[in-house]
Amino acid sequence: MELDPKDLGTLDLEGAWVPYADLHDSAFLPTRITLGADEYAYSSSMIIQGHSAVLPQRIMQLRSAGKKPIIVERDDRYYVFVSPP
């Protein structure tokens, strides 16, 4: 699935700003996302309720590994996609 940069927002995870896309109206949840020249692959998901206990640390770990994360929201879950370093 290709995302248009103008459709992105940001999600503030305890000061770690992450690109964010709302896919509530999408017919399906993709396993790969393209944003400009970057390709992102599905990495993990978590329930939105209570995400603040885990998601900020997960994003920091991904960035420390040189990966670029993007968050997709659909139904009651956040889906984490990453591009390789």
Protein backbone atom coordinates (compact mmCIF):
# COMPACT_ATOMS: atom_id res chain seq x y z
CA MET A 1 0.00 0.00 0.00
CA GLU A 2 1.33 3.43 -0.86
CA LEU A 3 0.76 6.27 1.62
CA ASP A 4 0.69 9.90 0.64
CA PRO A 5 2.88 12.02 2.98
CA LYS A 6 0.08 14.62 3.25
CA ASP A 7 -2.11 11.97 4.92
CA LEU A 8 0.38 11.37 7.73
CA GLY A 9 0.16 12.77 11.20
CA THR A 10 2.44 12.32 14.17
CA LEU A 11 1.99 10.33 17.33
CA ASP A 12 3.69 11.65 20.46
CA LEU A 13 5.03 8.73 22.48
CA GLU A 14 6.53 10.39 25.54
CA GLY A 15 8.52 12.83 23.40
CA ALA A 16 9.34 10.31 20.68
CA TRP A 17 7.46 11.66 17.67
CA VAL A 18 6.52 8.92 15.20
CA PRO A 19 4.87 9.22 11.77
CA TYR A 20 1.28 8.03 12.04
CA ALA A 21 -1.41 6.92 9.59
CA ASP A 22 -5.08 6.24 10.31
CA LEU A 23 -6.28 3.25 8.27
CA HIS A 24 -9.70 2.79 9.90
CA ASP A 25 -11.41 3.19 6.53
CA SER A 26 -9.01 0.97 4.58
CA ALA A 27 -10.47 -2.23 3.14
CA PHE A 28 -7.47 -4.22 4.41
CA LEU A 29 -4.38 -3.96 6.58
CA PRO A 30 -1.25 -4.18 4.40
CA THR A 31 1.92 -6.07 5.31
CA ARG A 32 4.06 -3.52 3.45
CA ILE A 33 3.76 0.25 3.17
CA THR A 34 5.54 2.54 0.75
CA LEU A 35 6.11 6.17 1.67
CA GLY A 36 8.10 8.03 -0.95
CA ALA A 37 11.28 6.03 -1.57
CA ASP A 38 11.01 4.15 1.75
CA GLU A 39 9.38 0.75 2.13
CA TYR A 40 8.11 -0.35 5.53
CA ALA A 41 7.29 -3.91 6.58
CA TYR A 42 4.95 -5.03 9.34
CA SER A 43 6.83 -5.59 12.59
CA SER A 44 4.35 -5.90 15.47
CA SER A 45 1.05 -4.70 16.89
CA MET A 46 -0.41 -3.82 20.24
CA ILE A 47 -3.74 -2.85 21.67
CA ILE A 48 -4.15 0.93 21.92
CA GLN A 49 -5.45 0.75 25.49
CA GLY A 50 -2.28 0.60 27.59
CA HIS A 51 0.18 1.15 24.74
CA SER A 52 2.09 3.80 26.68
CA ALA A 53 3.63 1.12 28.90
CA VAL A 54 5.37 -0.59 25.98
CA LEU A 55 5.28 1.34 22.71
CA PRO A 56 7.67 4.23 23.52
CA GLN A 57 10.41 1.77 24.51
CA ARG A 58 9.77 -0.33 21.41
CA ILE A 59 10.14 2.73 19.17
CA MET A 60 13.40 3.69 20.91
CA GLN A 61 14.76 0.15 20.42
CA LEU A 62 13.90 0.22 16.71
CA ARG A 63 15.53 3.60 16.23
CA SER A 64 18.62 2.46 18.16
CA ALA A 65 18.86 -0.42 15.68
CA GLY A 66 18.84 2.12 12.83
CA LYS A 67 15.30 1.36 11.69
CA LYS A 68 12.64 3.95 10.87
CA PRO A 69 9.23 3.18 12.40
CA ILE A 70 5.79 4.28 11.31
CA ILE A 71 2.58 3.63 13.28
CA VAL A 72 -0.71 2.63 11.67
CA GLU A 73 -3.97 2.71 13.61
CA ARG A 74 -6.80 0.39 12.74
CA ASP A 75 -9.69 -0.66 14.95
CA ASP A 76 -8.36 -0.94 18.51
CA ARG A 77 -4.70 -1.60 17.63
CA TYR A 78 -1.51 0.21 16.72
CA TYR A 79 0.52 -1.58 14.05
CA VAL A 80 4.23 -0.89 13.89
CA PHE A 81 5.90 -0.93 10.48
CA VAL A 82 9.65 -0.45 10.03
CA SER A 83 12.03 0.28 7.20
CA PRO A 84 15.40 -1.46 7.24
CA PRO A 85 18.54 0.47 8.18
